[in-house]
C-alpha atoms as a PDB file:
ATOM      1  CA  MET A   1      64.962  -0.357 131.517  1.00  0.00           C
ATOM      2  CA  ALA A   2      63.627  -3.747 130.286  1.00  0.00           C
ATOM      3  CA  ARG A   3      66.625  -4.414 128.301  1.00  0.00           C
ATOM      4  CA  ASP A   4      69.530  -6.401 129.846  1.00  0.00           C
ATOM      5  CA  SER A   5      72.664  -4.331 130.027  1.00  0.00           C
ATOM      6  CA  ARG A   6      74.742  -7.390 129.261  1.00  0.00           C
ATOM      7  CA  LYS A   7      73.621  -7.333 125.489  1.00  0.00           C
ATOM      8  CA  GLY A   8      75.664  -4.418 124.730  1.00  0.00           C
ATOM      9  CA  GLY A   9      75.667  -3.564 121.010  1.00  0.00           C
ATOM     10  CA  LYS A  10      74.811  -0.383 119.301  1.00  0.00           C
ATOM     11  CA  GLY A  11      73.704   1.703 122.357  1.00  0.00           C
ATOM     12  CA  ASP A  12      77.137   1.086 124.035  1.00  0.00           C
ATOM     13  CA  ARG A  13      79.002   2.102 120.725  1.00  0.00           C
ATOM     14  CA  ASP A  14      76.774   5.220 120.476  1.00  0.00           C
ATOM     15  CA  ASP A  15      77.722   6.129 124.120  1.00  0.00           C
ATOM     16  CA  ARG A  16      81.265   5.775 123.598  1.00  0.00           C
ATOM     17  CA  SER A  17      81.202   7.836 120.362  1.00  0.00           C
ATOM     18  CA  ARG A  18      79.800  10.712 122.020  1.00  0.00           C
ATOM     19  CA  THR A  19      82.766  11.409 124.217  1.00  0.00           C
ATOM     20  CA  SER A  20      84.379  13.225 121.146  1.00  0.00           C
ATOM     21  CA  GLY A  21      84.550  16.894 121.130  1.00  0.00           C
ATOM     22  CA  ARG A  22      85.022  17.565 124.910  1.00  0.00           C
ATOM     23  CA  LEU A  23      86.956  14.391 125.683  1.00  0.00           C
ATOM     24  CA  THR A  24      89.158  12.103 123.695  1.00  0.00           C
ATOM     25  CA  ASP A  25      87.675   8.989 121.981  1.00  0.00           C
ATOM     26  CA  PRO A  26      88.730   5.609 123.333  1.00  0.00           C
ATOM     27  CA  VAL A  27      91.421   3.998 121.815  1.00  0.00           C
ATOM     28  CA  PRO A  28      90.388   1.506 119.225  1.00  0.00           C
ATOM     29  CA  ILE A  29      91.584  -2.253 119.585  1.00  0.00           C
ATOM     30  CA  PRO A  30      93.858  -3.320 116.898  1.00  0.00           C
ATOM     31  CA  ARG A  31      92.140  -4.807 113.912  1.00  0.00           C
ATOM     32  CA  GLY A  32      93.152  -7.790 111.729  1.00  0.00           C
ATOM     33  CA  LYS A  33      94.348  -9.896 114.546  1.00  0.00           C
ATOM     34  CA  GLY A  34      91.169 -11.226 115.969  1.00  0.00           C
ATOM     35  CA  PRO A  35      89.624 -10.446 119.355  1.00  0.00           C
ATOM     36  CA  ARG A  36      92.370  -9.522 121.962  1.00  0.00           C
ATOM     37  CA  ARG A  37      92.865 -12.134 124.852  1.00  0.00           C
ATOM     38  CA  GLU A  38      91.874 -10.650 128.061  1.00  0.00           C
ATOM     39  CA  GLU A  39      94.613  -9.958 130.571  1.00  0.00           C
ATOM     40  CA  PRO A  40      94.749 -12.617 133.398  1.00  0.00           C
ATOM     41  CA  PRO A  41      93.382 -10.918 136.713  1.00  0.00           C
ATOM     42  CA  GLY A  42      95.929  -9.530 138.879  1.00  0.00           C
ATOM     43  CA  PRO A  43      96.224  -9.907 142.733  1.00  0.00           C
ATOM     44  CA  ALA A  44      94.397  -6.773 143.130  1.00  0.00           C
ATOM     45  CA  LEU A  45      91.619  -7.730 140.866  1.00  0.00           C
ATOM     46  CA  ARG A  46      91.229 -11.160 142.468  1.00  0.00           C
ATOM     47  CA  ARG A  47      91.060  -9.608 146.057  1.00  0.00           C
ATOM     48  CA  ALA A  48      88.331  -7.218 144.919  1.00  0.00           C
ATOM     49  CA  GLU A  49      86.288  -9.840 143.326  1.00  0.00           C
ATOM     50  CA  ARG A  50      86.454 -12.047 146.452  1.00  0.00           C
ATOM     51  CA  ALA A  51      85.661  -9.176 148.605  1.00  0.00           C
ATOM     52  CA  THR A  52      82.412  -8.308 146.436  1.00  0.00           C
ATOM     53  CA  ASP A  53      81.274 -11.903 145.893  1.00  0.00           C
ATOM     54  CA  LYS A  54      78.790 -11.336 148.741  1.00  0.00           C
ATOM     55  CA  PRO A  55      76.831  -7.989 149.452  1.00  0.00           C
ATOM     56  CA  ASP A  56      78.370  -5.676 152.168  1.00  0.00           C
ATOM     57  CA  LYS A  57      75.849  -5.951 154.979  1.00  0.00           C
ATOM     58  CA  SER A  58      78.076  -3.881 157.327  1.00  0.00           C
ATOM     59  CA  ASP A  59      76.196  -0.757 156.549  1.00  0.00           C
ATOM     60  CA  LYS A  60      72.332  -1.142 157.050  1.00  0.00           C
ATOM     61  CA  SER A  61      71.436   2.564 156.841  1.00  0.00           C
ATOM     62  CA  ASP A  62      68.296   3.213 154.774  1.00  0.00           C
ATOM     63  CA  ARG A  63      68.211  -0.372 153.875  1.00  0.00           C
ATOM     64  CA  GLY A  64      64.668  -0.877 155.494  1.00  0.00           C
ATOM     65  CA  THR A  65      62.970  -4.291 155.909  1.00  0.00           C
ATOM     66  CA  LYS A  66      63.060  -7.056 153.322  1.00  0.00           C
ATOM     67  CA  LYS A  67      59.278  -6.305 152.649  1.00  0.00           C
ATOM     68  CA  ASP A  68      59.827  -2.628 152.124  1.00  0.00           C
ATOM     69  CA  ARG A  69      62.583  -3.250 149.582  1.00  0.00           C
ATOM     70  CA  ALA A  70      60.323  -5.779 147.629  1.00  0.00           C
ATOM     71  CA  ARG A  71      57.527  -3.279 147.503  1.00  0.00           C
ATOM     72  CA  VAL A  72      56.783  -1.970 143.939  1.00  0.00           C
ATOM     73  CA  GLU A  73      54.456   0.920 142.605  1.00  0.00           C
ATOM     74  CA  PRO A  74      52.409   0.652 139.605  1.00  0.00           C
ATOM     75  CA  ALA A  75      53.844   2.106 136.535  1.00  0.00           C
ATOM     76  CA  LYS A  76      52.183   5.390 135.588  1.00  0.00           C
ATOM     77  CA  GLY A  77      49.360   4.897 132.960  1.00  0.00           C
ATOM     78  CA  ARG A  78      49.458   1.104 133.297  1.00  0.00           C
ATOM     79  CA  LYS A  79      47.334  -0.615 135.759  1.00  0.00           C
ATOM     80  CA  ASP A  80      48.340  -4.031 134.413  1.00  0.00           C
ATOM     81  CA  ALA A  81      52.061  -3.952 135.417  1.00  0.00           C
ATOM     82  CA  ALA A  82      54.475  -2.824 138.227  1.00  0.00           C
ATOM     83  CA  TYR A  83      58.060  -2.080 138.037  1.00  0.00           C
ATOM     84  CA  PRO A  84      60.543  -2.034 141.086  1.00  0.00           C
ATOM     85  CA  PRO A  85      62.656   1.124 141.833  1.00  0.00           C
ATOM     86  CA  PHE A  86      65.543   1.176 139.641  1.00  0.00           C
ATOM     87  CA  GLY A  87      68.634   3.525 139.225  1.00  0.00           C
ATOM     88  CA  VAL A  88      71.422   4.239 136.585  1.00  0.00           C
ATOM     89  CA  THR A  89      74.582   5.438 138.017  1.00  0.00           C
ATOM     90  CA  VAL A  90      78.070   6.375 136.625  1.00  0.00           C
ATOM     91  CA  ASP A  91      81.232   5.844 138.421  1.00  0.00           C
ATOM     92  CA  LEU A  92      84.630   7.181 137.337  1.00  0.00           C
ATOM     93  CA  VAL A  93      88.169   5.698 137.765  1.00  0.00           C
ATOM     94  CA  VAL A  94      90.483   8.861 137.307  1.00  0.00           C
ATOM     95  CA  PHE A  95      94.142   8.089 137.184  1.00  0.00           C
ATOM     96  CA  THR A  96      97.002  10.594 137.032  1.00  0.00           C
ATOM     97  CA  ILE A  97     100.745  10.543 137.696  1.00  0.00           C
ATOM     98  CA  ARG A  98     101.684  12.738 140.817  1.00  0.00           C
ATOM     99  CA  GLU A  99     105.128  12.527 142.590  1.00  0.00           C
ATOM    100  CA  GLY A 100     106.276   9.633 140.401  1.00  0.00           C
ATOM    101  CA  GLN A 101     103.312   7.430 141.537  1.00  0.00           C
ATOM    102  CA  LEU A 102      99.989   6.323 139.892  1.00  0.00           C
ATOM    103  CA  GLN A 103      97.250   8.048 141.981  1.00  0.00           C
ATOM    104  CA  VAL A 104      93.445   7.720 141.787  1.00  0.00           C
ATOM    105  CA  LEU A 105      90.896  10.465 142.563  1.00  0.00           C
ATOM    106  CA  LEU A 106      88.696   9.537 145.519  1.00  0.00           C
ATOM    107  CA  ILE A 107      86.064  11.425 147.664  1.00  0.00           C
ATOM    108  CA  GLU A 108      84.946  10.963 151.055  1.00  0.00           C
ATOM    109  CA  ARG A 109      81.251  10.409 151.311  1.00  0.00           C
ATOM    110  CA  ARG A 110      79.275  12.689 153.579  1.00  0.00           C
ATOM    111  CA  GLU A 111      75.925  11.129 153.620  1.00  0.00           C
ATOM    112  CA  LYS A 112      74.688   7.645 154.026  1.00  0.00           C
ATOM    113  CA  PRO A 113      75.134   4.901 152.892  1.00  0.00           C
ATOM    114  CA  PHE A 114      78.837   4.414 153.728  1.00  0.00           C
ATOM    115  CA  GLN A 115      79.131   7.733 155.479  1.00  0.00           C
ATOM    116  CA  GLY A 116      82.880   8.616 155.910  1.00  0.00           C
ATOM    117  CA  ARG A 117      84.283   6.007 153.452  1.00  0.00           C
ATOM    118  CA  LEU A 118      86.262   6.790 150.464  1.00  0.00           C
ATOM    119  CA  ALA A 119      84.421   6.252 147.185  1.00  0.00           C
ATOM    120  CA  LEU A 120      85.038   6.958 143.351  1.00  0.00           C
ATOM    121  CA  PRO A 121      83.453  10.041 142.141  1.00  0.00           C
ATOM    122  CA  GLY A 122      80.075   9.489 140.487  1.00  0.00           C
ATOM    123  CA  GLY A 123      76.244   9.494 140.945  1.00  0.00           C
ATOM    124  CA  PHE A 124      72.858   9.183 139.358  1.00  0.00           C
ATOM    125  CA  VAL A 125      72.296   9.708 135.714  1.00  0.00           C
ATOM    126  CA  ARG A 126      69.558  12.366 135.104  1.00  0.00           C
ATOM    127  CA  ILE A 127      66.557  11.473 132.875  1.00  0.00           C
ATOM    128  CA  ASP A 128      67.656  13.700 130.313  1.00  0.00           C
ATOM    129  CA  GLU A 129      71.515  13.347 129.869  1.00  0.00           C
ATOM    130  CA  ASP A 130      73.748  10.929 127.960  1.00  0.00           C
ATOM    131  CA  LEU A 131      75.739   8.512 130.173  1.00  0.00           C
ATOM    132  CA  ALA A 132      79.239  10.315 129.211  1.00  0.00           C
ATOM    133  CA  GLU A 133      77.620  13.639 129.928  1.00  0.00           C
ATOM    134  CA  ALA A 134      76.464  12.394 133.350  1.00  0.00           C
ATOM    135  CA  ALA A 135      80.150  11.150 134.022  1.00  0.00           C
ATOM    136  CA  TYR A 136      81.506  14.528 133.129  1.00  0.00           C
ATOM    137  CA  ARG A 137      78.997  16.436 135.294  1.00  0.00           C
ATOM    138  CA  GLU A 138      79.536  14.276 138.099  1.00  0.00           C
ATOM    139  CA  LEU A 139      83.433  14.809 137.972  1.00  0.00           C
ATOM    140  CA  VAL A 140      82.957  18.371 138.010  1.00  0.00           C
ATOM    141  CA  GLU A 141      80.322  18.604 140.684  1.00  0.00           C
ATOM    142  CA  LYS A 142      82.189  16.168 143.096  1.00  0.00           C
ATOM    143  CA  THR A 143      85.757  17.377 142.483  1.00  0.00           C
ATOM    144  CA  GLY A 144      85.851  20.733 140.850  1.00  0.00           C
ATOM    145  CA  ILE A 145      87.961  19.189 137.977  1.00  0.00           C
ATOM    146  CA  ASP A 146      86.676  20.850 134.827  1.00  0.00           C
ATOM    147  CA  GLY A 147      88.179  20.467 131.292  1.00  0.00           C
ATOM    148  CA  GLN A 148      91.366  18.641 132.470  1.00  0.00           C
ATOM    149  CA  VAL A 149      90.683  15.093 131.492  1.00  0.00           C
ATOM    150  CA  GLY A 150      92.616  13.994 128.433  1.00  0.00           C
ATOM    151  CA  HIS A 151      91.012  10.613 127.882  1.00  0.00           C
ATOM    152  CA  LEU A 152      87.651   9.009 128.938  1.00  0.00           C
ATOM    153  CA  GLU A 153      86.404   5.523 127.954  1.00  0.00           C
ATOM    154  CA  GLN A 154      83.777   3.455 129.105  1.00  0.00           C
ATOM    155  CA  LEU A 155      85.180   0.633 131.226  1.00  0.00           C
ATOM    156  CA  ARG A 156      82.263  -1.859 131.947  1.00  0.00           C
ATOM    157  CA  THR A 157      78.920  -2.230 133.680  1.00  0.00           C
ATOM    158  CA  PHE A 158      78.344  -3.307 137.275  1.00  0.00           C
ATOM    159  CA  GLY A 159      75.186  -4.593 138.503  1.00  0.00           C
ATOM    160  CA  THR A 160      75.270  -6.918 141.621  1.00  0.00           C
ATOM    161  CA  PRO A 161      71.599  -6.688 142.854  1.00  0.00           C
ATOM    162  CA  GLU A 162      72.527  -5.395 146.546  1.00  0.00           C
ATOM    163  CA  ARG A 163      75.603  -3.177 145.428  1.00  0.00           C
ATOM    164  CA  ASP A 164      73.549  -0.176 146.701  1.00  0.00           C
ATOM    165  CA  PRO A 165      71.514  -0.442 149.945  1.00  0.00           C
ATOM    166  CA  ARG A 166      69.136   2.272 148.948  1.00  0.00           C
ATOM    167  CA  LEU A 167      67.733   0.726 145.736  1.00  0.00           C
ATOM    168  CA  ARG A 168      68.383  -1.532 142.790  1.00  0.00           C
ATOM    169  CA  THR A 169      71.292   0.178 140.740  1.00  0.00           C
ATOM    170  CA  VAL A 170      73.248  -0.502 137.775  1.00  0.00           C
ATOM    171  CA  SER A 171      76.469   1.592 137.326  1.00  0.00           C
ATOM    172  CA  VAL A 172      78.205   2.300 133.991  1.00  0.00           C
ATOM    173  CA  ALA A 173      81.779   2.799 134.906  1.00  0.00           C
ATOM    174  CA  TYR A 174      84.333   5.106 133.216  1.00  0.00           C
ATOM    175  CA  LEU A 175      88.174   5.290 132.897  1.00  0.00           C
ATOM    176  CA  ALA A 176      89.679   8.685 132.832  1.00  0.00           C
ATOM    177  CA  LEU A 177      93.396   9.609 132.428  1.00  0.00           C
ATOM    178  CA  ALA A 178      94.995  12.906 132.613  1.00  0.00           C
ATOM    179  CA  PRO A 179      98.688  14.424 133.088  1.00  0.00           C
ATOM    180  CA  GLN A 180      99.712  15.906 136.320  1.00  0.00           C
ATOM    181  CA  LEU A 181      96.107  16.981 137.432  1.00  0.00           C
ATOM    182  CA  THR A 182      95.987  19.460 140.077  1.00  0.00           C
ATOM    183  CA  THR A 183      94.754  19.079 143.509  1.00  0.00           C
ATOM    184  CA  PRO A 184      91.071  18.732 143.418  1.00  0.00           C
ATOM    185  CA  LEU A 185      88.754  21.415 144.930  1.00  0.00           C
ATOM    186  CA  ALA A 186      85.479  20.811 146.573  1.00  0.00           C
ATOM    187  CA  GLY A 187      82.825  21.023 143.857  1.00  0.00           C
ATOM    188  CA  PRO A 188      79.357  22.478 143.977  1.00  0.00           C
ATOM    189  CA  ALA A 189      78.235  19.282 145.823  1.00  0.00           C
ATOM    190  CA  GLY A 190      80.815  19.951 148.548  1.00  0.00           C
ATOM    191  CA  SER A 191      82.568  16.649 148.554  1.00  0.00           C
ATOM    192  CA  ALA A 192      85.949  16.353 149.976  1.00  0.00           C
ATOM    193  CA  ALA A 193      88.179  14.951 147.002  1.00  0.00           C
ATOM    194  CA  ARG A 194      91.728  13.989 147.027  1.00  0.00           C
ATOM    195  CA  TRP A 195      94.465  12.098 145.322  1.00  0.00           C
ATOM    196  CA  VAL A 196      95.388   8.804 146.787  1.00  0.00           C
ATOM    197  CA  PRO A 197      98.243   6.425 145.650  1.00  0.00           C
ATOM    198  CA  VAL A 198      96.860   3.300 144.380  1.00  0.00           C
ATOM    199  CA  ALA A 199      99.620   1.454 146.222  1.00  0.00           C
ATOM    200  CA  ASP A 200      98.326   2.808 149.345  1.00  0.00           C
ATOM    201  CA  LEU A 201      94.775   1.427 149.010  1.00  0.00           C
ATOM    202  CA  ASP A 202      95.585  -2.361 149.510  1.00  0.00           C
ATOM    203  CA  GLY A 203      93.071  -3.533 152.072  1.00  0.00           C
ATOM    204  CA  VAL A 204      91.249  -0.176 152.350  1.00  0.00           C
ATOM    205  CA  ALA A 205      87.388  -0.755 152.425  1.00  0.00           C
ATOM    206  CA  LEU A 206      86.002   1.677 149.706  1.00  0.00           C
ATOM    207  CA  ALA A 207      82.160   2.306 149.603  1.00  0.00           C
ATOM    208  CA  PHE A 208      79.743   0.200 147.386  1.00  0.00           C
ATOM    209  CA  ASP A 209      81.737  -2.123 145.130  1.00  0.00           C
ATOM    210  CA  HIS A 210      84.132   0.541 144.220  1.00  0.00           C
ATOM    211  CA  ALA A 211      87.265  -1.501 145.196  1.00  0.00           C
ATOM    212  CA  ARG A 212      86.060  -3.808 142.349  1.00  0.00           C
ATOM    213  CA  ILE A 213      85.644  -1.038 140.005  1.00  0.00           C
ATOM    214  CA  LEU A 214      88.899   0.142 140.750  1.00  0.00           C
ATOM    215  CA  ALA A 215      90.796  -3.110 140.226  1.00  0.00           C
ATOM    216  CA  HIS A 216      89.108  -3.398 136.772  1.00  0.00           C
ATOM    217  CA  GLY A 217      90.133   0.012 136.004  1.00  0.00           C
ATOM    218  CA  LEU A 218      93.705  -0.565 137.014  1.00  0.00           C
ATOM    219  CA  GLU A 219      93.664  -3.693 135.015  1.00  0.00           C
ATOM    220  CA  ARG A 220      92.573  -1.957 131.871  1.00  0.00           C
ATOM    221  CA  ALA A 221      94.927   0.944 132.087  1.00  0.00           C
ATOM    222  CA  ARG A 222      97.828  -1.613 132.440  1.00  0.00           C
ATOM    223  CA  GLY A 223      97.051  -3.659 129.673  1.00  0.00           C
ATOM    224  CA  LYS A 224      96.357  -0.699 127.232  1.00  0.00           C
ATOM    225  CA  LEU A 225      99.710   0.542 127.862  1.00  0.00           C
ATOM    226  CA  GLU A 226     101.206  -2.400 126.298  1.00  0.00           C
ATOM    227  CA  TYR A 227      99.479  -2.272 122.863  1.00  0.00           C
ATOM    228  CA  THR A 228      98.043   1.392 122.558  1.00  0.00           C
ATOM    229  CA  ALA A 229      99.665   4.825 122.838  1.00  0.00           C
ATOM    230  CA  LEU A 230      97.648   5.597 125.921  1.00  0.00           C
ATOM    231  CA  ALA A 231     100.685   6.334 128.046  1.00  0.00           C
ATOM    232  CA  THR A 232     100.937   9.872 126.256  1.00  0.00           C
ATOM    233  CA  ALA A 233      97.735  10.732 127.743  1.00  0.00           C
ATOM    234  CA  PHE A 234      99.615  11.006 130.991  1.00  0.00           C
ATOM    235  CA  CYS A 235     102.341  13.273 129.626  1.00  0.00           C
ATOM    236  CA  SER A 236     102.566  17.041 128.998  1.00  0.00           C
ATOM    237  CA  PRO A 237     102.089  18.132 125.361  1.00  0.00           C
ATOM    238  CA  GLU A 238     105.969  17.934 125.199  1.00  0.00           C
ATOM    239  CA  PHE A 239     107.945  15.314 127.060  1.00  0.00           C
ATOM    240  CA  THR A 240     111.215  13.367 127.143  1.00  0.00           C
ATOM    241  CA  VAL A 241     111.473   9.613 126.702  1.00  0.00           C
ATOM    242  CA  SER A 242     112.463   9.404 130.435  1.00  0.00           C
ATOM    243  CA  GLN A 243     109.259  11.048 131.307  1.00  0.00           C
ATOM    244  CA  LEU A 244     107.232   8.705 129.315  1.00  0.00           C
ATOM    245  CA  ARG A 245     109.279   5.713 130.764  1.00  0.00           C
ATOM    246  CA  GLU A 246     108.260   7.027 134.258  1.00  0.00           C
ATOM    247  CA  VAL A 247     104.536   6.669 133.281  1.00  0.00           C
ATOM    248  CA  TYR A 248     104.983   3.110 132.231  1.00  0.00           C
ATOM    249  CA  GLU A 249     106.841   2.295 135.506  1.00  0.00           C
ATOM    250  CA  ALA A 250     104.232   4.161 137.619  1.00  0.00           C
ATOM    251  CA  VAL A 251     101.229   2.241 135.976  1.00  0.00           C
ATOM    252  CA  TRP A 252     102.856  -1.088 135.827  1.00  0.00           C
ATOM    253  CA  GLY A 253     104.436  -0.721 139.169  1.00  0.00           C
ATOM    254  CA  ARG A 254     107.962  -1.949 138.381  1.00  0.00           C
ATOM    255  CA  PRO A 255     111.147  -0.421 137.138  1.00  0.00           C
ATOM    256  CA  ILE A 256     112.102  -0.574 133.335  1.00  0.00           C
ATOM    257  CA  ASP A 257     115.534  -0.716 131.822  1.00  0.00           C
ATOM    258  CA  PRO A 258     116.118   2.792 130.516  1.00  0.00           C
ATOM    259  CA  ARG A 259     118.179   1.812 127.353  1.00  0.00           C
ATOM    260  CA  ASN A 260     115.870  -0.907 126.294  1.00  0.00           C
ATOM    261  CA  PHE A 261     112.820   1.358 126.687  1.00  0.00           C
ATOM    262  CA  HIS A 262     114.525   4.277 124.866  1.00  0.00           C
ATOM    263  CA  ARG A 263     115.484   1.915 121.930  1.00  0.00           C
ATOM    264  CA  LYS A 264     111.760   0.364 121.697  1.00  0.00           C
ATOM    265  CA  ALA A 265     109.961   3.857 122.247  1.00  0.00           C
ATOM    266  CA  THR A 266     111.987   5.538 119.581  1.00  0.00           C
ATOM    267  CA  ARG A 267     111.766   2.797 116.957  1.00  0.00           C
ATOM    268  CA  THR A 268     107.995   2.411 117.293  1.00  0.00           C
ATOM    269  CA  GLU A 269     106.795   3.985 114.115  1.00  0.00           C
ATOM    270  CA  GLY A 270     104.323   6.793 114.999  1.00  0.00           C
ATOM    271  CA  LEU A 271     104.550   6.676 118.752  1.00  0.00           C
ATOM    272  CA  LEU A 272     106.727   9.778 119.020  1.00  0.00           C
ATOM    273  CA  GLU A 273     107.342  12.797 117.110  1.00  0.00           C
ATOM    274  CA  PRO A 274     110.521  14.958 117.576  1.00  0.00           C
ATOM    275  CA  THR A 275     109.717  18.553 118.281  1.00  0.00           C
ATOM    276  CA  GLY A 276     113.482  19.639 117.602  1.00  0.00           C
ATOM    277  CA  ARG A 277     113.812  21.234 121.058  1.00  0.00           C
ATOM    278  CA  HIS A 278     115.738  20.106 123.957  1.00  0.00           C
ATOM    279  CA  THR A 279     115.223  20.267 127.626  1.00  0.00           C
ATOM    280  CA  SER A 280     116.950  23.276 129.298  1.00  0.00           C
ATOM    281  CA  GLY A 281     117.950  24.549 132.945  1.00  0.00           C
ATOM    282  CA  GLU A 282     118.554  20.936 134.203  1.00  0.00           C
ATOM    283  CA  ALA A 283     121.704  19.213 135.303  1.00  0.00           C
ATOM    284  CA  GLY A 284     123.230  16.922 132.740  1.00  0.00           C
ATOM    285  CA  ARG A 285     122.903  16.465 129.024  1.00  0.00           C
ATOM    286  CA  PRO A 286     119.806  18.271 127.532  1.00  0.00           C
ATOM    287  CA  ALA A 287     117.393  15.819 126.481  1.00  0.00           C
ATOM    288  CA  GLN A 288     115.445  15.621 123.174  1.00  0.00           C
ATOM    289  CA  LEU A 289     111.628  16.740 123.535  1.00  0.00           C
ATOM    290  CA  TYR A 290     109.041  14.728 121.816  1.00  0.00           C
ATOM    291  CA  ARG A 291     105.168  15.057 121.237  1.00  0.00           C
ATOM    292  CA  ALA A 292     102.506  12.256 120.923  1.00  0.00           C
ATOM    293  CA  GLY A 293     102.591  10.683 117.442  1.00  0.00           C
ATOM    294  CA  PRO A 294      99.441   9.863 115.166  1.00  0.00           C
ATOM    295  CA  VAL A 295      99.821   6.034 116.032  1.00  0.00           C
ATOM    296  CA  ARG A 296      96.877   4.783 118.213  1.00  0.00           C
ATOM    297  CA  THR A 297      98.049   1.169 118.358  1.00  0.00           C
ATOM    298  CA  LEU A 298     101.633  -0.255 119.011  1.00  0.00           C
ATOM    299  CA  ASN A 299     103.123  -2.630 116.661  1.00  0.00           C
ATOM    300  CA  PRO A 300     105.136  -4.406 118.276  1.00  0.00           C
ATOM    301  CA  PRO A 301     103.569  -3.829 121.692  1.00  0.00           C
ATOM    302  CA  LEU A 302     105.657  -2.744 124.592  1.00  0.00           C
ATOM    303  CA  THR A 303     104.904  -5.783 126.762  1.00  0.00           C
ATOM    304  CA  ARG A 304     105.432  -5.844 130.565  1.00  0.00           C
ATOM    305  CA  SER A 305     107.223  -9.262 130.432  1.00  0.00           C
ATOM    306  CA  GLY A 306     109.698  -7.486 127.793  1.00  0.00           C
ATOM    307  CA  GLY A 307     110.352  -4.266 129.826  1.00  0.00           C
END
């Protein structure tokens, strides 16, 4: 673990590429236009950053004394060096659309530290598993959701020294998206999991630095809807333009003009493919059904400002 995780590089790319097979590969950034400028942080992200600038000292369970935390054990087989305890964890920001709202999957912690608080699903990476494998395993163990995630990508790494009062940890966060996920069940770990509307979490103290991780996941999802076809990951295999628009409205948190959106969505080459079928059994004129097209990046983008 001597390498600095900030260097990134080939290892990170390898981790992301291994999500293929069971889960969808991350959407690539458009080429030929140079590096994409980062989205300015929204209010939720700024609040989360301020809240985590200083370590949370309210939960001192299992913290021990400063001398205890600084104690190191000699590395096995080496008498000339010692390394502090160090852990690698994965945390998942799982979004879905339920009842017309963007909702995130949270669990209630049943053990210290932060017992009783809501947290993102996640846990420690085992010595013999890949990061993406650990993320998928933790999702199943903590929530009972198995095989329902349509998109999984690595979000970023979080490593504030005192983010976990038990020991020094670095967390690799993942962003997962899926359409109309069912109510989570208690997984083998027995955690109480539930969907919570993102709009209801303003001011709620999550465990560890999970408010900050959630804020970054939200900004990533909102930004990617502008220049990729990621919104279709929230939809059923066949959907209407109105249903796609509702995804954008739920994630962006604002209404969108229906006619303007219909024109842009149907004229964006490769975004939608007509199925030749229409809705039935609903009041009003039957709507045409589409499936996700082959395009991964949108040109021109569907910008929030242009709604």
